[in-house]
PDB file of N, CA and C in Angstrom:
ATOM      1  N   UNK A   1      26.560  31.400 -16.708  1.00  0.00           N
ATOM      2  CA  UNK A   1      25.456  30.459 -16.849  1.00  0.00           C
ATOM      3  C   UNK A   1      24.393  30.015 -16.144  1.00  0.00           C
ATOM      4  N   UNK A   2      23.402  29.643 -17.061  1.00  0.00           N
ATOM      5  CA  UNK A   2      21.791  29.641 -16.435  1.00  0.00           C
ATOM      6  C   UNK A   2      21.553  27.555 -16.342  1.00  0.00           C
ATOM      7  N   UNK A   3      20.746  28.027 -15.280  1.00  0.00           N
ATOM      8  CA  UNK A   3      20.599  26.502 -14.917  1.00  0.00           C
ATOM      9  C   UNK A   3      19.159  26.767 -14.599  1.00  0.00           C
ATOM     10  N   UNK A   4      18.215  25.914 -15.056  1.00  0.00           N
ATOM     11  CA  UNK A   4      16.663  25.406 -15.145  1.00  0.00           C
ATOM     12  C   UNK A   4      16.438  24.119 -14.751  1.00  0.00           C
ATOM     13  N   UNK A   5      15.171  24.430 -13.783  1.00  0.00           N
ATOM     14  CA  UNK A   5      14.974  23.157 -12.977  1.00  0.00           C
ATOM     15  C   UNK A   5      13.439  22.918 -13.332  1.00  0.00           C
ATOM     16  N   UNK A   6      12.868  21.692 -13.764  1.00  0.00           N
ATOM     17  CA  UNK A   6      11.650  21.506 -14.144  1.00  0.00           C
ATOM     18  C   UNK A   6      11.296  20.643 -13.439  1.00  0.00           C
ATOM     19  N   UNK A   7      10.296  21.299 -12.512  1.00  0.00           N
ATOM     20  CA  UNK A   7       9.057  20.266 -11.411  1.00  0.00           C
ATOM     21  C   UNK A   7       8.405  19.157 -11.971  1.00  0.00           C
ATOM     22  N   UNK A   8       8.626  18.015 -12.350  1.00  0.00           N
ATOM     23  CA  UNK A   8       7.499  17.155 -12.793  1.00  0.00           C
ATOM     24  C   UNK A   8       6.052  16.805 -12.287  1.00  0.00           C
ATOM     25  N   UNK A   9       6.702  16.542 -11.074  1.00  0.00           N
ATOM     26  CA  UNK A   9       5.700  16.128 -10.084  1.00  0.00           C
ATOM     27  C   UNK A   9       6.411  16.352  -8.425  1.00  0.00           C
ATOM     28  N   UNK A  10       5.961  16.537  -7.662  1.00  0.00           N
ATOM     29  CA  UNK A  10       6.046  16.818  -6.074  1.00  0.00           C
ATOM     30  C   UNK A  10       4.819  15.609  -5.413  1.00  0.00           C
ATOM     31  N   UNK A  11       5.680  14.701  -4.328  1.00  0.00           N
ATOM     32  CA  UNK A  11       4.765  13.906  -4.005  1.00  0.00           C
ATOM     33  C   UNK A  11       3.941  14.851  -2.750  1.00  0.00           C
ATOM     34  N   UNK A  12       2.444  15.455  -3.091  1.00  0.00           N
ATOM     35  CA  UNK A  12       1.388  16.201  -2.692  1.00  0.00           C
ATOM     36  C   UNK A  12      -0.002  15.326  -2.885  1.00  0.00           C
ATOM     37  N   UNK A  13       0.204  14.364  -2.954  1.00  0.00           N
ATOM     38  CA  UNK A  13      -1.122  13.227  -2.830  1.00  0.00           C
ATOM     39  C   UNK A  13      -1.127  12.356  -2.037  1.00  0.00           C
ATOM     40  N   UNK A  14      -1.817  12.062  -0.715  1.00  0.00           N
ATOM     41  CA  UNK A  14      -1.670  11.173  -0.345  1.00  0.00           C
ATOM     42  C   UNK A  14      -2.674   9.908  -1.049  1.00  0.00           C
ATOM     43  N   UNK A  15      -1.991   9.038  -0.472  1.00  0.00           N
ATOM     44  CA  UNK A  15      -2.921   7.967  -0.913  1.00  0.00           C
ATOM     45  C   UNK A  15      -4.602   7.808  -0.647  1.00  0.00           C
ATOM     46  N   UNK A  16      -5.563   7.108  -1.310  1.00  0.00           N
ATOM     47  CA  UNK A  16      -6.536   7.210  -1.041  1.00  0.00           C
ATOM     48  C   UNK A  16      -6.721   5.860  -1.480  1.00  0.00           C
ATOM     49  N   UNK A  17      -7.568   4.863  -0.283  1.00  0.00           N
ATOM     50  CA  UNK A  17      -7.999   3.549   0.108  1.00  0.00           C
ATOM     51  C   UNK A  17      -9.371   3.618  -0.598  1.00  0.00           C
ATOM     52  N   UNK A  18      -9.534   2.418  -0.826  1.00  0.00           N
ATOM     53  CA  UNK A  18     -11.203   2.261  -1.330  1.00  0.00           C
ATOM     54  C   UNK A  18     -11.833   1.677  -0.568  1.00  0.00           C
ATOM     55  N   UNK A  19     -11.325   1.817   0.574  1.00  0.00           N
ATOM     56  CA  UNK A  19     -11.930   0.627   1.736  1.00  0.00           C
ATOM     57  C   UNK A  19     -11.482   1.736   3.042  1.00  0.00           C
ATOM     58  N   UNK A  20     -12.104   1.694   3.719  1.00  0.00           N
ATOM     59  CA  UNK A  20     -11.466   2.801   5.190  1.00  0.00           C
ATOM     60  C   UNK A  20     -10.921   1.678   5.941  1.00  0.00           C
ATOM     61  N   UNK A  21     -11.935   0.393   6.098  1.00  0.00           N
ATOM     62  CA  UNK A  21     -11.157  -0.658   7.000  1.00  0.00           C
ATOM     63  C   UNK A  21     -11.173  -2.161   6.103  1.00  0.00           C
ATOM     64  N   UNK A  22     -10.580  -2.742   6.286  1.00  0.00           N
ATOM     65  CA  UNK A  22     -10.434  -4.186   5.630  1.00  0.00           C
ATOM     66  C   UNK A  22      -9.935  -4.941   6.844  1.00  0.00           C
ATOM     67  N   UNK A  23     -11.409  -5.565   7.270  1.00  0.00           N
ATOM     68  CA  UNK A  23     -11.049  -6.943   8.391  1.00  0.00           C
ATOM     69  C   UNK A  23     -11.494  -8.033   7.582  1.00  0.00           C
ATOM     70  N   UNK A  24     -10.755  -9.219   8.070  1.00  0.00           N
ATOM     71  CA  UNK A  24     -11.331 -10.453   7.786  1.00  0.00           C
ATOM     72  C   UNK A  24     -11.111 -11.559   8.900  1.00  0.00           C
ATOM     73  N   UNK A  25     -12.288 -12.362   8.752  1.00  0.00           N
ATOM     74  CA  UNK A  25     -11.794 -13.392   9.619  1.00  0.00           C
ATOM     75  C   UNK A  25     -11.556 -14.460   9.230  1.00  0.00           C
ATOM     76  N   UNK A  26     -10.355 -15.185   9.851  1.00  0.00           N
ATOM     77  CA  UNK A  26     -10.298 -16.848   9.282  1.00  0.00           C
ATOM     78  C   UNK A  26     -10.264 -17.938  10.043  1.00  0.00           C
ATOM     79  N   UNK A  27     -10.665 -18.981   9.321  1.00  0.00           N
ATOM     80  CA  UNK A  27     -10.997 -20.621  10.169  1.00  0.00           C
ATOM     81  C   UNK A  27      -9.376 -20.450  10.391  1.00  0.00           C
ATOM     82  N   UNK A  28      -9.574 -21.403  11.295  1.00  0.00           N
ATOM     83  CA  UNK A  28      -7.853 -22.117  11.652  1.00  0.00           C
ATOM     84  C   UNK A  28      -7.421 -23.147  10.897  1.00  0.00           C
ATOM     85  N   UNK A  29      -8.364 -23.691  10.223  1.00  0.00           N
ATOM     86  CA  UNK A  29      -7.497 -24.658   9.078  1.00  0.00           C
ATOM     87  C   UNK A  29      -7.015 -23.802   7.575  1.00  0.00           C
ATOM     88  N   UNK A  30      -7.540 -22.383   7.604  1.00  0.00           N
ATOM     89  CA  UNK A  30      -7.492 -21.886   6.010  1.00  0.00           C
ATOM     90  C   UNK A  30      -5.804 -22.203   5.526  1.00  0.00           C
ATOM     91  N   UNK A  31      -6.104 -23.065   4.542  1.00  0.00           N
ATOM     92  CA  UNK A  31      -4.700 -23.006   3.660  1.00  0.00           C
ATOM     93  C   UNK A  31      -3.688 -22.090   3.581  1.00  0.00           C
ATOM     94  N   UNK A  32      -2.296 -22.792   3.793  1.00  0.00           N
ATOM     95  CA  UNK A  32      -1.216 -21.295   3.346  1.00  0.00           C
ATOM     96  C   UNK A  32      -1.295 -20.866   1.824  1.00  0.00           C
ATOM     97  N   UNK A  33      -1.192 -19.777   1.837  1.00  0.00           N
ATOM     98  CA  UNK A  33      -1.317 -18.927   0.458  1.00  0.00           C
ATOM     99  C   UNK A  33      -2.145 -18.594   0.144  1.00  0.00           C
ATOM    100  N   UNK A  34      -3.354 -18.665   1.199  1.00  0.00           N
ATOM    101  CA  UNK A  34      -4.962 -18.321   0.746  1.00  0.00           C
ATOM    102  C   UNK A  34      -4.711 -16.887   0.524  1.00  0.00           C
ATOM    103  N   UNK A  35      -5.258 -16.051  -0.505  1.00  0.00           N
ATOM    104  CA  UNK A  35      -5.796 -14.974  -0.584  1.00  0.00           C
ATOM    105  C   UNK A  35      -6.821 -14.283   0.519  1.00  0.00           C
ATOM    106  N   UNK A  36      -6.522 -13.906   1.347  1.00  0.00           N
ATOM    107  CA  UNK A  36      -7.575 -13.180   2.427  1.00  0.00           C
ATOM    108  C   UNK A  36      -7.827 -11.783   2.571  1.00  0.00           C
ATOM    109  N   UNK A  37      -7.401 -10.997   1.753  1.00  0.00           N
ATOM    110  CA  UNK A  37      -8.277  -9.754   1.189  1.00  0.00           C
ATOM    111  C   UNK A  37      -6.945  -8.941   1.083  1.00  0.00           C
ATOM    112  N   UNK A  38      -7.921  -7.867  -0.180  1.00  0.00           N
ATOM    113  CA  UNK A  38      -7.497  -7.350  -1.578  1.00  0.00           C
ATOM    114  C   UNK A  38      -6.857  -5.872  -0.884  1.00  0.00           C
ATOM    115  N   UNK A  39      -5.898  -4.800  -0.388  1.00  0.00           N
ATOM    116  CA  UNK A  39      -5.967  -3.806  -0.352  1.00  0.00           C
ATOM    117  C   UNK A  39      -5.792  -3.281  -1.784  1.00  0.00           C
ATOM    118  N   UNK A  40      -6.666  -1.900  -1.555  1.00  0.00           N
ATOM    119  CA  UNK A  40      -6.434  -1.244  -3.027  1.00  0.00           C
ATOM    120  C   UNK A  40      -6.114   0.394  -2.464  1.00  0.00           C
ATOM    121  N   UNK A  41      -5.421   1.264  -3.228  1.00  0.00           N
ATOM    122  CA  UNK A  41      -5.561   2.503  -3.179  1.00  0.00           C
ATOM    123  C   UNK A  41      -4.961   2.777  -4.101  1.00  0.00           C
ATOM    124  N   UNK A  42      -5.604   4.010  -4.795  1.00  0.00           N
ATOM    125  CA  UNK A  42      -5.098   5.269  -5.780  1.00  0.00           C
ATOM    126  C   UNK A  42      -4.061   6.525  -4.844  1.00  0.00           C
ATOM    127  N   UNK A  43      -3.598   6.392  -6.146  1.00  0.00           N
ATOM    128  CA  UNK A  43      -2.456   8.197  -5.451  1.00  0.00           C
ATOM    129  C   UNK A  43      -2.411   8.844  -7.167  1.00  0.00           C
ATOM    130  N   UNK A  44      -2.820  10.072  -6.866  1.00  0.00           N
ATOM    131  CA  UNK A  44      -2.817  10.868  -8.327  1.00  0.00           C
ATOM    132  C   UNK A  44      -1.509  11.551  -8.119  1.00  0.00           C
ATOM    133  N   UNK A  45      -0.567  11.139  -7.625  1.00  0.00           N
ATOM    134  CA  UNK A  45       0.518  11.726  -7.836  1.00  0.00           C
ATOM    135  C   UNK A  45       1.724  11.043  -9.495  1.00  0.00           C
ATOM    136  N   UNK A  46       2.316  11.528  -9.820  1.00  0.00           N
ATOM    137  CA  UNK A  46       2.799  10.549 -10.834  1.00  0.00           C
ATOM    138  C   UNK A  46       4.088   9.894 -10.417  1.00  0.00           C
ATOM    139  N   UNK A  47       4.348   8.842 -11.609  1.00  0.00           N
ATOM    140  CA  UNK A  47       5.785   8.110 -11.665  1.00  0.00           C
ATOM    141  C   UNK A  47       6.273   7.509  -9.895  1.00  0.00           C
ATOM    142  N   UNK A  48       7.376   8.195  -9.524  1.00  0.00           N
ATOM    143  CA  UNK A  48       7.670   7.450  -7.908  1.00  0.00           C
ATOM    144  C   UNK A  48       6.665   7.813  -7.227  1.00  0.00           C
ATOM    145  N   UNK A  49       6.385   8.966  -7.340  1.00  0.00           N
ATOM    146  CA  UNK A  49       5.357   9.389  -5.973  1.00  0.00           C
ATOM    147  C   UNK A  49       3.965   9.447  -6.079  1.00  0.00           C
ATOM    148  N   UNK A  50       3.667   8.722  -7.322  1.00  0.00           N
ATOM    149  CA  UNK A  50       1.977   7.714  -7.362  1.00  0.00           C
ATOM    150  C   UNK A  50       2.586   6.030  -6.723  1.00  0.00           C
ATOM    151  N   UNK A  51       4.075   5.563  -6.412  1.00  0.00           N
ATOM    152  CA  UNK A  51       3.806   4.446  -6.061  1.00  0.00           C
ATOM    153  C   UNK A  51       3.497   4.275  -4.905  1.00  0.00           C
ATOM    154  N   UNK A  52       2.818   2.763  -4.285  1.00  0.00           N
ATOM    155  CA  UNK A  52       2.548   2.630  -2.917  1.00  0.00           C
ATOM    156  C   UNK A  52       3.098   1.805  -3.094  1.00  0.00           C
ATOM    157  N   UNK A  53       3.166   1.390  -1.708  1.00  0.00           N
ATOM    158  CA  UNK A  53       3.758  -0.172  -1.046  1.00  0.00           C
ATOM    159  C   UNK A  53       3.009  -0.315   0.370  1.00  0.00           C
ATOM    160  N   UNK A  54       2.945  -1.594  -0.131  1.00  0.00           N
ATOM    161  CA  UNK A  54       2.346  -1.683   1.317  1.00  0.00           C
ATOM    162  C   UNK A  54       3.305  -3.026   2.053  1.00  0.00           C
ATOM    163  N   UNK A  55       2.682  -3.054   3.624  1.00  0.00           N
ATOM    164  CA  UNK A  55       3.518  -3.357   4.079  1.00  0.00           C
ATOM    165  C   UNK A  55       2.593  -4.038   5.550  1.00  0.00           C
ATOM    166  N   UNK A  56       3.021  -5.031   5.934  1.00  0.00           N
ATOM    167  CA  UNK A  56       2.485  -5.983   6.874  1.00  0.00           C
ATOM    168  C   UNK A  56       3.459  -5.640   8.645  1.00  0.00           C
ATOM    169  N   UNK A  57       3.309  -5.182   9.400  1.00  0.00           N
ATOM    170  CA  UNK A  57       3.936  -4.299  10.107  1.00  0.00           C
ATOM    171  C   UNK A  57       3.808  -5.199  11.608  1.00  0.00           C
ATOM    172  N   UNK A  58       2.380  -5.662  11.900  1.00  0.00           N
ATOM    173  CA  UNK A  58       2.193  -6.488  13.425  1.00  0.00           C
ATOM    174  C   UNK A  58       1.470  -7.645  12.982  1.00  0.00           C
ATOM    175  N   UNK A  59       0.908  -8.361  13.682  1.00  0.00           N
ATOM    176  CA  UNK A  59      -0.066  -9.508  13.437  1.00  0.00           C
ATOM    177  C   UNK A  59       0.311 -11.311  13.879  1.00  0.00           C
ATOM    178  N   UNK A  60       2.108 -11.025  13.544  1.00  0.00           N
ATOM    179  CA  UNK A  60       2.513 -12.137  13.880  1.00  0.00           C
ATOM    180  C   UNK A  60       3.348 -12.103  15.164  1.00  0.00           C
ATOM    181  N   UNK A  61       2.494 -12.710  15.703  1.00  0.00           N
ATOM    182  CA  UNK A  61       2.970 -12.953  16.980  1.00  0.00           C
ATOM    183  C   UNK A  61       3.723 -14.037  17.367  1.00  0.00           C
ATOM    184  N   UNK A  62       3.478 -15.238  16.199  1.00  0.00           N
ATOM    185  CA  UNK A  62       4.307 -16.065  16.791  1.00  0.00           C
ATOM    186  C   UNK A  62       5.816 -16.610  15.685  1.00  0.00           C
ATOM    187  N   UNK A  63       6.252 -15.276  14.901  1.00  0.00           N
ATOM    188  CA  UNK A  63       7.462 -15.218  14.298  1.00  0.00           C
ATOM    189  C   UNK A  63       7.570 -15.925  12.901  1.00  0.00           C
ATOM    190  N   UNK A  64       6.491 -16.204  12.861  1.00  0.00           N
ATOM    191  CA  UNK A  64       6.002 -17.498  11.475  1.00  0.00           C
ATOM    192  C   UNK A  64       6.558 -16.255  10.140  1.00  0.00           C
ATOM    193  N   UNK A  65       7.131 -16.362   9.192  1.00  0.00           N
ATOM    194  CA  UNK A  65       6.948 -15.832   7.725  1.00  0.00           C
ATOM    195  C   UNK A  65       5.509 -16.273   7.030  1.00  0.00           C
TER     196      UNK A  65
END
């Protein structure tokens, strides 16, 4: 029996963000749903390894969605 593995890609490239910082100031009356920043990154990996997931993990001190 012969088993052959073909590696298509490994997750060896880190995402490269198009900006090193994303800082925005908002007025208190900004409308719900307003886009305040667009974060972009590129990853040279292919398929699943090139997928980038963004997540806000802190900053909402009042617990609102």
